Amino acid sequence: MSLLIRRYKLLTGLMREERIDEPERIARYLRLFEKDDVKKLQAGEKVFIEKDEWQLLP
């Protein structure tokens, strides 16, 4: 099962981490990324979009 990790900073400065393990939600999020970013995620690399850090783990 894949795991999509999203790290982001709150307005208060605290770092938050969201772990998404539902296949339907992962597919929905991946549709929001550009093709190059999806390839990087599938290779296990971290992708930064605005201030959020995303990583897909197999």
PDB file of N, CA and C in Angstrom:
ATOM      1  N   MET A   1       0.848  -1.171   0.000  1.00  0.00           N
ATOM      2  CA  MET A   1       0.000   0.000   0.000  1.00  0.00           C
ATOM      3  C   MET A   1       0.899   1.241   0.000  1.00  0.00           C
ATOM      4  N   SER A   2       0.587   2.201  -0.814  1.00  0.00           N
ATOM      5  CA  SER A   2       1.354   3.453  -0.912  1.00  0.00           C
ATOM      6  C   SER A   2       0.951   4.413   0.195  1.00  0.00           C
ATOM      7  N   LEU A   3       1.858   5.322   0.476  1.00  0.00           N
ATOM      8  CA  LEU A   3       1.618   6.332   1.495  1.00  0.00           C
ATOM      9  C   LEU A   3       2.091   7.670   0.948  1.00  0.00           C
ATOM     10  N   LEU A   4       1.205   8.646   0.933  1.00  0.00           N
ATOM     11  CA  LEU A   4       1.536   9.995   0.484  1.00  0.00           C
ATOM     12  C   LEU A   4       1.695  10.863   1.725  1.00  0.00           C
ATOM     13  N   ILE A   5       2.861  11.493   1.853  1.00  0.00           N
ATOM     14  CA  ILE A   5       3.151  12.323   3.017  1.00  0.00           C
ATOM     15  C   ILE A   5       3.190  13.786   2.582  1.00  0.00           C
ATOM     16  N   ARG A   6       2.472  14.615   3.314  1.00  0.00           N
ATOM     17  CA  ARG A   6       2.450  16.053   3.048  1.00  0.00           C
ATOM     18  C   ARG A   6       2.928  16.762   4.300  1.00  0.00           C
ATOM     19  N   ARG A   7       3.974  17.559   4.172  1.00  0.00           N
ATOM     20  CA  ARG A   7       4.492  18.356   5.286  1.00  0.00           C
ATOM     21  C   ARG A   7       4.249  19.828   4.952  1.00  0.00           C
ATOM     22  N   TYR A   8       3.701  20.549   5.916  1.00  0.00           N
ATOM     23  CA  TYR A   8       3.402  21.955   5.694  1.00  0.00           C
ATOM     24  C   TYR A   8       3.529  22.715   7.003  1.00  0.00           C
ATOM     25  N   LYS A   9       3.685  24.025   6.882  1.00  0.00           N
ATOM     26  CA  LYS A   9       3.856  24.885   8.052  1.00  0.00           C
ATOM     27  C   LYS A   9       2.566  25.654   8.296  1.00  0.00           C
ATOM     28  N   LEU A  10       2.128  25.655   9.539  1.00  0.00           N
ATOM     29  CA  LEU A  10       0.951  26.420   9.926  1.00  0.00           C
ATOM     30  C   LEU A  10       1.302  27.893  10.069  1.00  0.00           C
ATOM     31  N   LEU A  11       0.303  28.733  10.152  1.00  0.00           N
ATOM     32  CA  LEU A  11       0.527  30.172  10.316  1.00  0.00           C
ATOM     33  C   LEU A  11       1.261  30.483  11.619  1.00  0.00           C
ATOM     34  N   THR A  12       1.117  29.612  12.598  1.00  0.00           N
ATOM     35  CA  THR A  12       1.782  29.811  13.888  1.00  0.00           C
ATOM     36  C   THR A  12       3.258  29.420  13.834  1.00  0.00           C
ATOM     37  N   GLY A  13       3.699  28.813  12.724  1.00  0.00           N
ATOM     38  CA  GLY A  13       5.087  28.405  12.575  1.00  0.00           C
ATOM     39  C   GLY A  13       5.330  26.937  12.863  1.00  0.00           C
ATOM     40  N   LEU A  14       4.332  26.235  13.367  1.00  0.00           N
ATOM     41  CA  LEU A  14       4.475  24.805  13.650  1.00  0.00           C
ATOM     42  C   LEU A  14       4.429  23.996  12.358  1.00  0.00           C
ATOM     43  N   MET A  15       5.255  22.960  12.301  1.00  0.00           N
ATOM     44  CA  MET A  15       5.235  22.061  11.146  1.00  0.00           C
ATOM     45  C   MET A  15       4.212  20.956  11.392  1.00  0.00           C
ATOM     46  N   ARG A  16       3.454  20.643  10.376  1.00  0.00           N
ATOM     47  CA  ARG A  16       2.460  19.588  10.430  1.00  0.00           C
ATOM     48  C   ARG A  16       2.797  18.540   9.394  1.00  0.00           C
ATOM     49  N   GLU A  17       2.410  17.306   9.658  1.00  0.00           N
ATOM     50  CA  GLU A  17       2.607  16.227   8.696  1.00  0.00           C
ATOM     51  C   GLU A  17       1.289  15.481   8.551  1.00  0.00           C
ATOM     52  N   GLU A  18       0.871  15.293   7.327  1.00  0.00           N
ATOM     53  CA  GLU A  18      -0.363  14.562   7.026  1.00  0.00           C
ATOM     54  C   GLU A  18       0.029  13.310   6.260  1.00  0.00           C
ATOM     55  N   ARG A  19      -0.428  12.165   6.743  1.00  0.00           N
ATOM     56  CA  ARG A  19      -0.141  10.891   6.081  1.00  0.00           C
ATOM     57  C   ARG A  19      -1.422  10.386   5.437  1.00  0.00           C
ATOM     58  N   ILE A  20      -1.385  10.232   4.140  1.00  0.00           N
ATOM     59  CA  ILE A  20      -2.564   9.823   3.371  1.00  0.00           C
ATOM     60  C   ILE A  20      -2.311   8.417   2.858  1.00  0.00           C
ATOM     61  N   ASP A  21      -3.139   7.460   3.299  1.00  0.00           N
ATOM     62  CA  ASP A  21      -2.934   6.079   2.890  1.00  0.00           C
ATOM     63  C   ASP A  21      -4.123   5.484   2.132  1.00  0.00           C
ATOM     64  N   GLU A  22      -5.135   6.286   1.897  1.00  0.00           N
ATOM     65  CA  GLU A  22      -6.301   5.817   1.155  1.00  0.00           C
ATOM     66  C   GLU A  22      -6.023   5.946  -0.344  1.00  0.00           C
ATOM     67  N   PRO A  23      -6.101   4.848  -1.106  1.00  0.00           N
ATOM     68  CA  PRO A  23      -5.773   4.887  -2.539  1.00  0.00           C
ATOM     69  C   PRO A  23      -6.591   5.905  -3.336  1.00  0.00           C
ATOM     70  N   GLU A  24      -7.859   6.088  -2.974  1.00  0.00           N
ATOM     71  CA  GLU A  24      -8.697   7.038  -3.705  1.00  0.00           C
ATOM     72  C   GLU A  24      -8.205   8.475  -3.491  1.00  0.00           C
ATOM     73  N   ARG A  25      -7.843   8.811  -2.263  1.00  0.00           N
ATOM     74  CA  ARG A  25      -7.350  10.167  -1.962  1.00  0.00           C
ATOM     75  C   ARG A  25      -5.998  10.409  -2.622  1.00  0.00           C
ATOM     76  N   ILE A  26      -5.130   9.381  -2.616  1.00  0.00           N
ATOM     77  CA  ILE A  26      -3.821   9.524  -3.259  1.00  0.00           C
ATOM     78  C   ILE A  26      -4.005   9.796  -4.745  1.00  0.00           C
ATOM     79  N   ALA A  27      -4.888   9.045  -5.394  1.00  0.00           N
ATOM     80  CA  ALA A  27      -5.135   9.241  -6.827  1.00  0.00           C
ATOM     81  C   ALA A  27      -5.681  10.640  -7.095  1.00  0.00           C
ATOM     82  N   ARG A  28      -6.558  11.119  -6.216  1.00  0.00           N
ATOM     83  CA  ARG A  28      -7.126  12.457  -6.364  1.00  0.00           C
ATOM     84  C   ARG A  28      -6.047  13.535  -6.259  1.00  0.00           C
ATOM     85  N   TYR A  29      -5.155  13.387  -5.283  1.00  0.00           N
ATOM     86  CA  TYR A  29      -4.066  14.355  -5.130  1.00  0.00           C
ATOM     87  C   TYR A  29      -3.114  14.310  -6.314  1.00  0.00           C
ATOM     88  N   LEU A  30      -2.794  13.120  -6.809  1.00  0.00           N
ATOM     89  CA  LEU A  30      -1.845  13.000  -7.912  1.00  0.00           C
ATOM     90  C   LEU A  30      -2.366  13.669  -9.185  1.00  0.00           C
ATOM     91  N   ARG A  31      -3.672  13.763  -9.344  1.00  0.00           N
ATOM     92  CA  ARG A  31      -4.238  14.449 -10.505  1.00  0.00           C
ATOM     93  C   ARG A  31      -3.993  15.955 -10.450  1.00  0.00           C
ATOM     94  N   LEU A  32      -3.711  16.479  -9.259  1.00  0.00           N
ATOM     95  CA  LEU A  32      -3.460  17.919  -9.107  1.00  0.00           C
ATOM     96  C   LEU A  32      -2.038  18.305  -9.497  1.00  0.00           C
ATOM     97  N   PHE A  33      -1.115  17.331  -9.515  1.00  0.00           N
ATOM     98  CA  PHE A  33       0.282  17.607  -9.821  1.00  0.00           C
ATOM     99  C   PHE A  33       0.535  17.618 -11.322  1.00  0.00           C
ATOM    100  N   GLU A  34       1.609  18.295 -11.713  1.00  0.00           N
ATOM    101  CA  GLU A  34       2.041  18.272 -13.103  1.00  0.00           C
ATOM    102  C   GLU A  34       2.709  16.928 -13.377  1.00  0.00           C
ATOM    103  N   LYS A  35       2.824  16.561 -14.649  1.00  0.00           N
ATOM    104  CA  LYS A  35       3.370  15.254 -15.019  1.00  0.00           C
ATOM    105  C   LYS A  35       4.782  15.045 -14.495  1.00  0.00           C
ATOM    106  N   ASP A  36       5.621  16.076 -14.566  1.00  0.00           N
ATOM    107  CA  ASP A  36       6.995  15.953 -14.078  1.00  0.00           C
ATOM    108  C   ASP A  36       7.026  15.687 -12.581  1.00  0.00           C
ATOM    109  N   ASP A  37       6.144  16.352 -11.844  1.00  0.00           N
ATOM    110  CA  ASP A  37       6.089  16.159 -10.400  1.00  0.00           C
ATOM    111  C   ASP A  37       5.605  14.758 -10.050  1.00  0.00           C
ATOM    112  N   VAL A  38       4.665  14.225 -10.808  1.00  0.00           N
ATOM    113  CA  VAL A  38       4.163  12.870 -10.565  1.00  0.00           C
ATOM    114  C   VAL A  38       5.284  11.858 -10.795  1.00  0.00           C
ATOM    115  N   LYS A  39       6.082  12.061 -11.823  1.00  0.00           N
ATOM    116  CA  LYS A  39       7.205  11.155 -12.092  1.00  0.00           C
ATOM    117  C   LYS A  39       8.204  11.188 -10.945  1.00  0.00           C
ATOM    118  N   LYS A  40       8.482  12.378 -10.419  1.00  0.00           N
ATOM    119  CA  LYS A  40       9.404  12.496  -9.291  1.00  0.00           C
ATOM    120  C   LYS A  40       8.843  11.789  -8.061  1.00  0.00           C
ATOM    121  N   LEU A  41       7.541  11.981  -7.805  1.00  0.00           N
ATOM    122  CA  LEU A  41       6.913  11.324  -6.663  1.00  0.00           C
ATOM    123  C   LEU A  41       6.978   9.807  -6.790  1.00  0.00           C
ATOM    124  N   GLN A  42       6.699   9.296  -7.984  1.00  0.00           N
ATOM    125  CA  GLN A  42       6.717   7.854  -8.190  1.00  0.00           C
ATOM    126  C   GLN A  42       8.125   7.285  -8.070  1.00  0.00           C
ATOM    127  N   ALA A  43       9.141   8.118  -8.275  1.00  0.00           N
ATOM    128  CA  ALA A  43      10.528   7.696  -8.111  1.00  0.00           C
ATOM    129  C   ALA A  43      10.964   7.783  -6.653  1.00  0.00           C
ATOM    130  N   GLY A  44      10.099   8.292  -5.780  1.00  0.00           N
ATOM    131  CA  GLY A  44      10.408   8.379  -4.359  1.00  0.00           C
ATOM    132  C   GLY A  44      11.038   9.684  -3.948  1.00  0.00           C
ATOM    133  N   GLU A  45      11.122  10.651  -4.857  1.00  0.00           N
ATOM    134  CA  GLU A  45      11.719  11.942  -4.547  1.00  0.00           C
ATOM    135  C   GLU A  45      10.700  12.849  -3.860  1.00  0.00           C
ATOM    136  N   LYS A  46      11.218  13.846  -3.149  1.00  0.00           N
ATOM    137  CA  LYS A  46      10.357  14.845  -2.529  1.00  0.00           C
ATOM    138  C   LYS A  46      10.048  15.930  -3.554  1.00  0.00           C
ATOM    139  N   VAL A  47       8.812  16.413  -3.524  1.00  0.00           N
ATOM    140  CA  VAL A  47       8.375  17.472  -4.434  1.00  0.00           C
ATOM    141  C   VAL A  47       7.874  18.633  -3.575  1.00  0.00           C
ATOM    142  N   PHE A  48       8.310  19.834  -3.911  1.00  0.00           N
ATOM    143  CA  PHE A  48       7.888  21.027  -3.199  1.00  0.00           C
ATOM    144  C   PHE A  48       6.942  21.826  -4.090  1.00  0.00           C
ATOM    145  N   ILE A  49       5.754  22.072  -3.587  1.00  0.00           N
ATOM    146  CA  ILE A  49       4.773  22.886  -4.291  1.00  0.00           C
ATOM    147  C   ILE A  49       4.399  24.009  -3.335  1.00  0.00           C
ATOM    148  N   GLU A  50       4.693  25.215  -3.764  1.00  0.00           N
ATOM    149  CA  GLU A  50       4.579  26.399  -2.913  1.00  0.00           C
ATOM    150  C   GLU A  50       5.353  26.126  -1.632  1.00  0.00           C
ATOM    151  N   LYS A  51       4.702  26.034  -0.494  1.00  0.00           N
ATOM    152  CA  LYS A  51       5.412  25.806   0.767  1.00  0.00           C
ATOM    153  C   LYS A  51       5.226  24.386   1.288  1.00  0.00           C
ATOM    154  N   ASP A  52       4.525  23.553   0.547  1.00  0.00           N
ATOM    155  CA  ASP A  52       4.259  22.183   0.983  1.00  0.00           C
ATOM    156  C   ASP A  52       5.287  21.220   0.405  1.00  0.00           C
ATOM    157  N   GLU A  53       5.657  20.232   1.211  1.00  0.00           N
ATOM    158  CA  GLU A  53       6.572  19.186   0.773  1.00  0.00           C
ATOM    159  C   GLU A  53       5.773  17.890   0.667  1.00  0.00           C
ATOM    160  N   TRP A  54       5.865  17.226  -0.484  1.00  0.00           N
ATOM    161  CA  TRP A  54       5.125  15.993  -0.733  1.00  0.00           C
ATOM    162  C   TRP A  54       6.110  14.861  -1.000  1.00  0.00           C
ATOM    163  N   GLN A  55       5.759  13.657  -0.533  1.00  0.00           N
ATOM    164  CA  GLN A  55       6.590  12.481  -0.823  1.00  0.00           C
ATOM    165  C   GLN A  55       5.672  11.270  -0.878  1.00  0.00           C
ATOM    166  N   LEU A  56       5.909  10.427  -1.884  1.00  0.00           N
ATOM    167  CA  LEU A  56       5.131   9.201  -2.053  1.00  0.00           C
ATOM    168  C   LEU A  56       6.031   8.023  -1.723  1.00  0.00           C
ATOM    169  N   LEU A  57       5.606   7.233  -0.746  1.00  0.00           N
ATOM    170  CA  LEU A  57       6.371   6.058  -0.347  1.00  0.00           C
ATOM    171  C   LEU A  57       5.610   4.800  -0.785  1.00  0.00           C
ATOM    172  N   PRO A  58       6.336   3.830  -1.349  1.00  0.00           N
ATOM    173  CA  PRO A  58       5.661   2.585  -1.784  1.00  0.00           C
ATOM    174  C   PRO A  58       5.218   1.725  -0.622  1.00  0.00           C
TER     175      PRO A  58
END
